[in-house]
N, C-alpha and C. Protein backbone atom coordinates (compact mmCIF):
# COMPACT_ATOMS: atom_id res chain seq x y z
N MET A 1 0.83 -0.96 0.15
CA MET A 1 0.01 0.27 0.24
C MET A 1 0.89 1.15 -0.07
N SER A 2 0.68 2.34 -1.00
CA SER A 2 1.50 3.50 -0.67
C SER A 2 1.35 4.18 0.10
N GLN A 3 2.25 5.23 0.52
CA GLN A 3 1.72 6.22 1.42
C GLN A 3 1.69 7.44 1.39
N ILE A 4 0.42 8.00 0.91
CA ILE A 4 0.46 9.13 0.52
C ILE A 4 0.39 10.09 0.90
N ILE A 5 1.04 11.41 0.49
CA ILE A 5 1.34 12.61 1.34
C ILE A 5 1.34 13.75 0.21
N TYR A 6 0.78 15.16 0.93
CA TYR A 6 0.36 16.19 0.11
C TYR A 6 0.66 17.21 0.04
N LYS A 7 1.16 18.39 -1.11
CA LYS A 7 1.56 19.19 -1.35
C LYS A 7 0.56 20.22 -1.68
N ILE A 8 0.57 21.50 -0.30
CA ILE A 8 0.00 22.12 -1.13
C ILE A 8 0.88 23.72 -2.15
N ALA A 9 -0.18 23.71 -2.82
CA ALA A 9 1.46 25.10 -3.78
C ALA A 9 0.48 26.15 -4.80
N PRO A 10 0.88 26.93 -5.06
CA PRO A 10 0.41 27.70 -6.12
C PRO A 10 0.47 27.56 -7.42
N GLU A 11 -0.66 27.68 -8.01
CA GLU A 11 -0.21 26.81 -9.34
C GLU A 11 0.65 27.21 -10.38
N ALA A 12 1.18 28.14 -10.13
CA ALA A 12 2.12 29.00 -11.41
C ALA A 12 3.43 28.15 -10.98
N LEU A 13 3.42 28.27 -9.27
CA LEU A 13 4.80 27.85 -9.05
C LEU A 13 5.32 26.22 -9.54
N TRP A 14 3.52 25.42 -9.32
CA TRP A 14 3.99 24.30 -9.57
C TRP A 14 3.75 23.78 -11.10
N ARG A 15 2.93 24.88 -11.68
CA ARG A 15 3.45 24.81 -13.79
C ARG A 15 4.84 24.91 -13.65
N GLU A 16 5.08 25.67 -12.78
CA GLU A 16 7.28 25.70 -13.51
C GLU A 16 7.76 24.91 -13.54
N ALA A 17 7.81 23.83 -12.03
CA ALA A 17 8.39 22.47 -11.45
C ALA A 17 8.02 21.57 -12.79
N GLU A 18 6.58 21.66 -13.38
CA GLU A 18 6.20 20.46 -14.31
C GLU A 18 6.97 20.50 -15.55
N ARG A 19 7.43 22.39 -15.85
CA ARG A 19 7.94 22.39 -16.98
C ARG A 19 9.37 22.00 -17.12
N ASN A 20 10.08 22.32 -15.35
CA ASN A 20 11.58 21.77 -15.19
C ASN A 20 11.86 20.54 -15.29
N GLY A 21 10.61 19.59 -15.03
CA GLY A 21 10.79 18.20 -14.37
C GLY A 21 10.80 17.86 -13.22
N SER A 22 11.01 18.49 -12.06
CA SER A 22 11.35 18.89 -10.38
C SER A 22 10.66 19.57 -9.99
N PHE A 23 10.63 20.05 -8.67
CA PHE A 23 9.97 20.26 -7.70
C PHE A 23 10.66 20.59 -6.60
N THR A 24 11.51 22.15 -6.95
CA THR A 24 12.65 22.47 -5.55
C THR A 24 12.12 22.81 -4.09
N GLY A 25 10.98 23.53 -4.38
CA GLY A 25 10.03 23.83 -3.13
C GLY A 25 9.33 25.39 -3.18
N ALA A 26 8.68 25.41 -2.73
CA ALA A 26 7.89 27.13 -2.49
C ALA A 26 9.10 27.57 -1.58
N PRO A 27 8.94 28.82 -1.52
CA PRO A 27 9.89 29.90 -0.76
C PRO A 27 9.98 29.51 0.93
N ILE A 28 8.98 28.76 1.24
CA ILE A 28 8.82 28.57 2.49
C ILE A 28 10.19 27.16 2.66
N ASP A 29 10.27 26.50 2.05
CA ASP A 29 10.72 25.08 1.93
C ASP A 29 12.13 25.64 1.52
N LEU A 30 12.54 26.34 0.68
CA LEU A 30 13.64 27.07 -0.09
C LEU A 30 14.50 27.59 1.67
N ALA A 31 13.40 28.08 2.71
CA ALA A 31 14.42 28.75 3.01
C ALA A 31 14.45 27.72 4.42
N ASP A 32 13.53 26.72 4.72
CA ASP A 32 13.97 26.09 5.66
C ASP A 32 14.75 24.69 5.50
N GLY A 33 15.09 24.48 3.89
CA GLY A 33 16.14 23.60 3.50
C GLY A 33 15.41 21.90 3.65
N PHE A 34 14.17 21.84 3.08
CA PHE A 34 13.58 20.57 2.72
C PHE A 34 12.14 21.64 2.39
N ILE A 35 11.16 20.53 1.95
CA ILE A 35 10.53 20.49 1.14
C ILE A 35 8.83 19.70 2.08
N HIS A 36 8.16 20.71 2.66
CA HIS A 36 7.22 20.40 3.45
C HIS A 36 5.75 19.62 2.80
N PHE A 37 5.56 19.02 3.52
CA PHE A 37 4.26 18.13 2.97
C PHE A 37 2.98 17.93 4.29
N SER A 38 2.29 17.65 3.97
CA SER A 38 1.08 17.01 5.13
C SER A 38 0.62 15.56 4.69
N THR A 39 0.28 15.26 5.60
CA THR A 39 -0.55 13.56 5.74
C THR A 39 -2.25 14.33 5.67
N ALA A 40 -2.86 13.52 4.86
CA ALA A 40 -4.35 13.17 4.80
C ALA A 40 -4.99 14.08 5.72
N GLY A 41 -4.50 13.77 7.20
CA GLY A 41 -5.31 14.63 8.43
C GLY A 41 -4.62 15.68 8.59
N GLN A 42 -3.52 15.80 8.12
CA GLN A 42 -3.16 17.39 8.45
C GLN A 42 -3.30 18.32 7.25
N ALA A 43 -3.75 18.03 6.42
CA ALA A 43 -3.74 18.46 4.64
C ALA A 43 -4.52 19.93 5.11
N ARG A 44 -6.09 19.74 5.24
CA ARG A 44 -6.73 20.87 6.22
C ARG A 44 -6.65 21.57 6.84
N GLU A 45 -5.42 21.63 7.51
CA GLU A 45 -4.86 22.61 8.87
C GLU A 45 -3.82 23.68 8.64
N THR A 46 -3.02 22.85 7.62
CA THR A 46 -2.10 23.39 6.73
C THR A 46 -2.48 23.90 5.75
N ALA A 47 -3.74 23.99 5.18
CA ALA A 47 -4.58 24.96 4.21
C ALA A 47 -4.80 26.39 5.51
N ALA A 48 -5.38 25.71 6.22
CA ALA A 48 -5.95 26.94 7.12
C ALA A 48 -4.80 27.89 7.56
N LYS A 49 -3.92 27.04 7.98
CA LYS A 49 -2.79 27.88 8.86
C LYS A 49 -1.96 28.82 7.80
N HIS A 50 -1.49 28.19 6.57
CA HIS A 50 -0.74 28.55 5.90
C HIS A 50 -0.64 28.91 4.31
N PHE A 51 -2.59 29.24 4.36
CA PHE A 51 -2.96 29.41 2.61
C PHE A 51 -4.37 30.02 3.08
N ALA A 52 -4.60 30.62 4.26
CA ALA A 52 -5.65 31.00 4.58
C ALA A 52 -6.16 32.02 3.33
N GLY A 53 -7.70 31.61 2.36
CA GLY A 53 -7.95 32.77 1.89
C GLY A 53 -7.39 32.69 0.46
N GLN A 54 -6.30 31.93 0.01
CA GLN A 54 -5.72 31.94 -1.24
C GLN A 54 -6.18 31.07 -2.11
N ALA A 55 -6.74 31.61 -3.22
CA ALA A 55 -6.55 31.29 -4.44
C ALA A 55 -5.93 30.91 -5.33
N GLY A 56 -6.13 30.16 -6.36
CA GLY A 56 -4.91 29.96 -7.21
C GLY A 56 -4.12 28.81 -6.84
N LEU A 57 -4.62 27.98 -5.93
CA LEU A 57 -3.60 26.47 -5.37
C LEU A 57 -4.29 25.54 -5.90
N LEU A 58 -2.92 24.55 -6.00
CA LEU A 58 -3.30 23.10 -6.36
C LEU A 58 -2.96 21.84 -4.73
N LEU A 59 -3.50 21.31 -4.76
CA LEU A 59 -3.34 19.94 -4.14
C LEU A 59 -2.46 18.64 -5.04
N ILE A 60 -1.63 18.28 -4.37
CA ILE A 60 -0.52 17.57 -5.25
C ILE A 60 -0.24 16.37 -4.25
N ALA A 61 -0.84 15.17 -4.83
CA ALA A 61 -0.89 14.02 -4.01
C ALA A 61 0.56 13.24 -4.63
N ILE A 62 0.86 12.59 -3.80
CA ILE A 62 2.76 11.95 -3.94
C ILE A 62 2.80 10.58 -3.19
N ASP A 63 3.58 9.88 -4.17
CA ASP A 63 3.29 8.31 -3.41
C ASP A 63 4.69 8.39 -2.72
N GLY A 64 4.82 8.67 -0.90
CA GLY A 64 5.77 8.92 -0.68
C GLY A 64 6.89 7.76 -0.25
N THR A 65 5.76 6.45 -0.78
CA THR A 65 6.97 5.63 -0.47
C THR A 65 7.99 5.22 -1.94
N ARG A 66 8.17 6.62 -2.69
CA ARG A 66 9.09 6.27 -4.22
C ARG A 66 10.12 7.24 -3.54
N LEU A 67 10.12 8.06 -2.23
CA LEU A 67 10.66 9.08 -2.58
C LEU A 67 12.05 8.64 -1.56
N GLY A 68 12.35 7.74 -0.81
CA GLY A 68 13.58 7.05 -0.67
C GLY A 68 13.73 7.66 0.83
N GLU A 69 15.28 7.52 1.57
CA GLU A 69 15.62 8.06 2.82
C GLU A 69 15.65 8.84 2.81
N ALA A 70 15.02 10.40 1.70
CA ALA A 70 15.20 11.73 1.84
C ALA A 70 13.91 12.44 2.71
N LEU A 71 12.94 11.23 2.56
CA LEU A 71 11.64 11.59 3.62
C LEU A 71 11.77 11.41 4.59
N ARG A 72 11.66 12.15 5.31
CA ARG A 72 11.89 11.99 6.81
C ARG A 72 10.61 12.52 7.61
N TYR A 73 9.89 11.77 8.64
CA TYR A 73 8.56 12.56 9.64
C TYR A 73 9.45 12.62 10.56
N GLU A 74 9.18 14.62 10.64
CA GLU A 74 9.42 14.90 12.03
C GLU A 74 8.72 15.69 13.11
N VAL A 75 8.95 15.72 13.84
CA VAL A 75 8.10 16.91 14.97
C VAL A 75 7.73 17.89 14.45
N SER A 76 6.31 18.85 14.69
CA SER A 76 6.70 19.93 13.82
C SER A 76 5.15 20.32 14.39
N ARG A 77 4.40 21.08 14.05
CA ARG A 77 3.33 21.73 14.70
C ARG A 77 2.85 20.87 15.86
N GLY A 78 2.27 21.08 16.91
CA GLY A 78 1.54 20.53 18.14
C GLY A 78 2.01 19.54 18.35
N GLY A 79 3.26 18.87 18.06
CA GLY A 79 4.16 17.55 18.07
C GLY A 79 3.83 16.31 17.24
N ALA A 80 3.20 16.83 16.03
CA ALA A 80 2.94 15.74 15.29
C ALA A 80 4.03 15.66 14.05
N LEU A 81 4.00 14.60 13.83
CA LEU A 81 5.17 14.14 12.91
C LEU A 81 4.64 14.56 11.18
N PHE A 82 5.59 15.06 10.77
CA PHE A 82 4.86 15.65 9.21
C PHE A 82 5.89 15.26 8.42
N PRO A 83 5.85 14.93 7.29
CA PRO A 83 6.57 14.20 6.15
C PRO A 83 7.76 15.65 5.44
N HIS A 84 8.78 15.57 5.52
CA HIS A 84 9.56 16.72 5.47
C HIS A 84 10.51 16.10 4.30
N LEU A 85 10.95 16.37 2.71
CA LEU A 85 11.76 16.04 1.91
C LEU A 85 12.72 16.61 1.54
N TYR A 86 13.91 16.25 1.84
CA TYR A 86 15.29 16.69 1.87
C TYR A 86 16.09 16.56 1.13
N ALA A 87 15.41 16.72 -0.06
CA ALA A 87 15.88 16.87 -1.65
C ALA A 87 14.68 17.25 -2.78
N PRO A 88 14.54 17.42 -3.89
CA PRO A 88 13.71 17.68 -5.09
C PRO A 88 12.81 16.69 -4.83
N LEU A 89 11.63 17.06 -5.45
CA LEU A 89 10.78 16.04 -5.39
C LEU A 89 10.74 15.74 -7.18
N ASP A 90 10.67 14.18 -7.39
CA ASP A 90 10.43 13.74 -8.48
C ASP A 90 9.17 13.68 -9.00
N LEU A 91 9.14 14.07 -9.90
CA LEU A 91 7.34 14.52 -10.52
C LEU A 91 7.26 12.96 -10.86
N GLU A 92 8.16 11.80 -10.89
CA GLU A 92 7.54 10.50 -11.22
C GLU A 92 6.73 10.15 -9.68
N ALA A 93 7.30 10.76 -8.69
CA ALA A 93 6.33 10.15 -7.55
C ALA A 93 4.88 10.77 -7.49
N VAL A 94 4.82 11.75 -8.54
CA VAL A 94 3.12 12.80 -8.22
C VAL A 94 2.16 11.64 -9.04
N LEU A 95 0.80 11.33 -8.00
CA LEU A 95 -0.34 10.50 -8.47
C LEU A 95 -1.42 11.57 -8.87
N TRP A 96 -1.00 12.83 -8.47
CA TRP A 96 -2.38 13.64 -8.95
C TRP A 96 -2.19 14.72 -8.10
N VAL A 97 -2.53 15.56 -9.38
CA VAL A 97 -2.68 16.92 -9.23
C VAL A 97 -4.54 17.38 -9.35
N ARG A 98 -4.66 18.69 -8.29
CA ARG A 98 -6.20 18.93 -8.49
C ARG A 98 -6.00 20.22 -8.13
N PRO A 99 -6.82 21.08 -8.40
CA PRO A 99 -7.39 22.45 -8.01
C PRO A 99 -7.56 22.25 -6.68
N LEU A 100 -7.95 23.27 -5.82
CA LEU A 100 -8.09 23.57 -4.31
C LEU A 100 -8.83 24.72 -4.23
N PRO A 101 -10.13 25.30 -4.42
CA PRO A 101 -10.46 26.24 -4.85
C PRO A 101 -11.32 26.32 -3.62
N LEU A 102 -11.41 27.54 -3.84
CA LEU A 102 -12.26 28.64 -1.83
C LEU A 102 -13.59 28.17 -2.40
N ASP A 103 -14.27 27.95 -0.99
CA ASP A 103 -15.95 27.94 -1.15
C ASP A 103 -16.65 29.05 -0.99
N VAL A 104 -17.51 29.59 -0.85
CA VAL A 104 -18.33 30.69 -0.68
C VAL A 104 -18.17 31.37 0.78
N ASP A 105 -17.29 30.50 1.87
CA ASP A 105 -16.80 30.90 3.03
C ASP A 105 -15.50 31.41 2.98
N GLY A 106 -14.62 31.40 1.89
CA GLY A 106 -13.68 31.74 1.46
C GLY A 106 -12.18 30.39 2.05
N LEU A 107 -13.00 29.50 2.42
CA LEU A 107 -12.30 27.94 2.74
C LEU A 107 -12.18 27.09 1.84
N HIS A 108 -10.91 26.28 1.70
CA HIS A 108 -10.44 25.25 0.40
C HIS A 108 -11.48 24.40 0.60
N GLU A 109 -11.78 23.93 -0.62
CA GLU A 109 -12.30 22.63 -0.69
C GLU A 109 -12.44 21.71 -0.91
N PHE A 110 -11.81 20.69 -0.20
CA PHE A 110 -10.59 19.14 -0.40
C PHE A 110 -11.64 18.19 -1.17
N PRO A 111 -10.90 17.36 -1.91
CA PRO A 111 -11.53 16.48 -2.34
C PRO A 111 -11.10 15.28 -1.37
N THR A 112 -11.60 14.16 -1.15
CA THR A 112 -11.86 13.15 -0.39
C THR A 112 -9.99 12.78 -0.53
N LEU A 113 -9.42 12.69 0.70
CA LEU A 113 -8.14 12.18 0.50
C LEU A 113 -7.77 10.91 1.12
N GLU A 114 -6.90 10.01 0.44
CA GLU A 114 -6.77 8.70 0.78
C GLU A 114 -5.35 8.87 2.15
N ALA A 115 -5.90 8.29 3.15
CA ALA A 115 -4.72 8.46 4.16
C ALA A 115 -3.69 7.45 4.17
N GLU A 116 -3.03 7.39 4.71
CA GLU A 116 -1.78 7.10 4.37
C GLU A 116 -2.19 5.39 5.25
């Protein structure tokens, strides 16, 4: 069974990664030295905390088992373990990319997410 993790990214940044063949991260990722991901249970809170009210976002599902030892689960927000990737994201590990639209209340509308 795959270990699915999720990345929320601005569409323009992700489309640039698709053109380049790999994703090196958003500005926060580059500053922190790793690419931040969320599990299915963490993605909504991540959107609310870091992307509140932002339109033009994508939700990217990644097969974590394809990322090797560069993927580490580390303690972060509230003591929870979050997936962090210490390498560029190989786009071959991407399962799907979907829009993350805002609803009438300004909250992100998530598709059904597959748990780890």
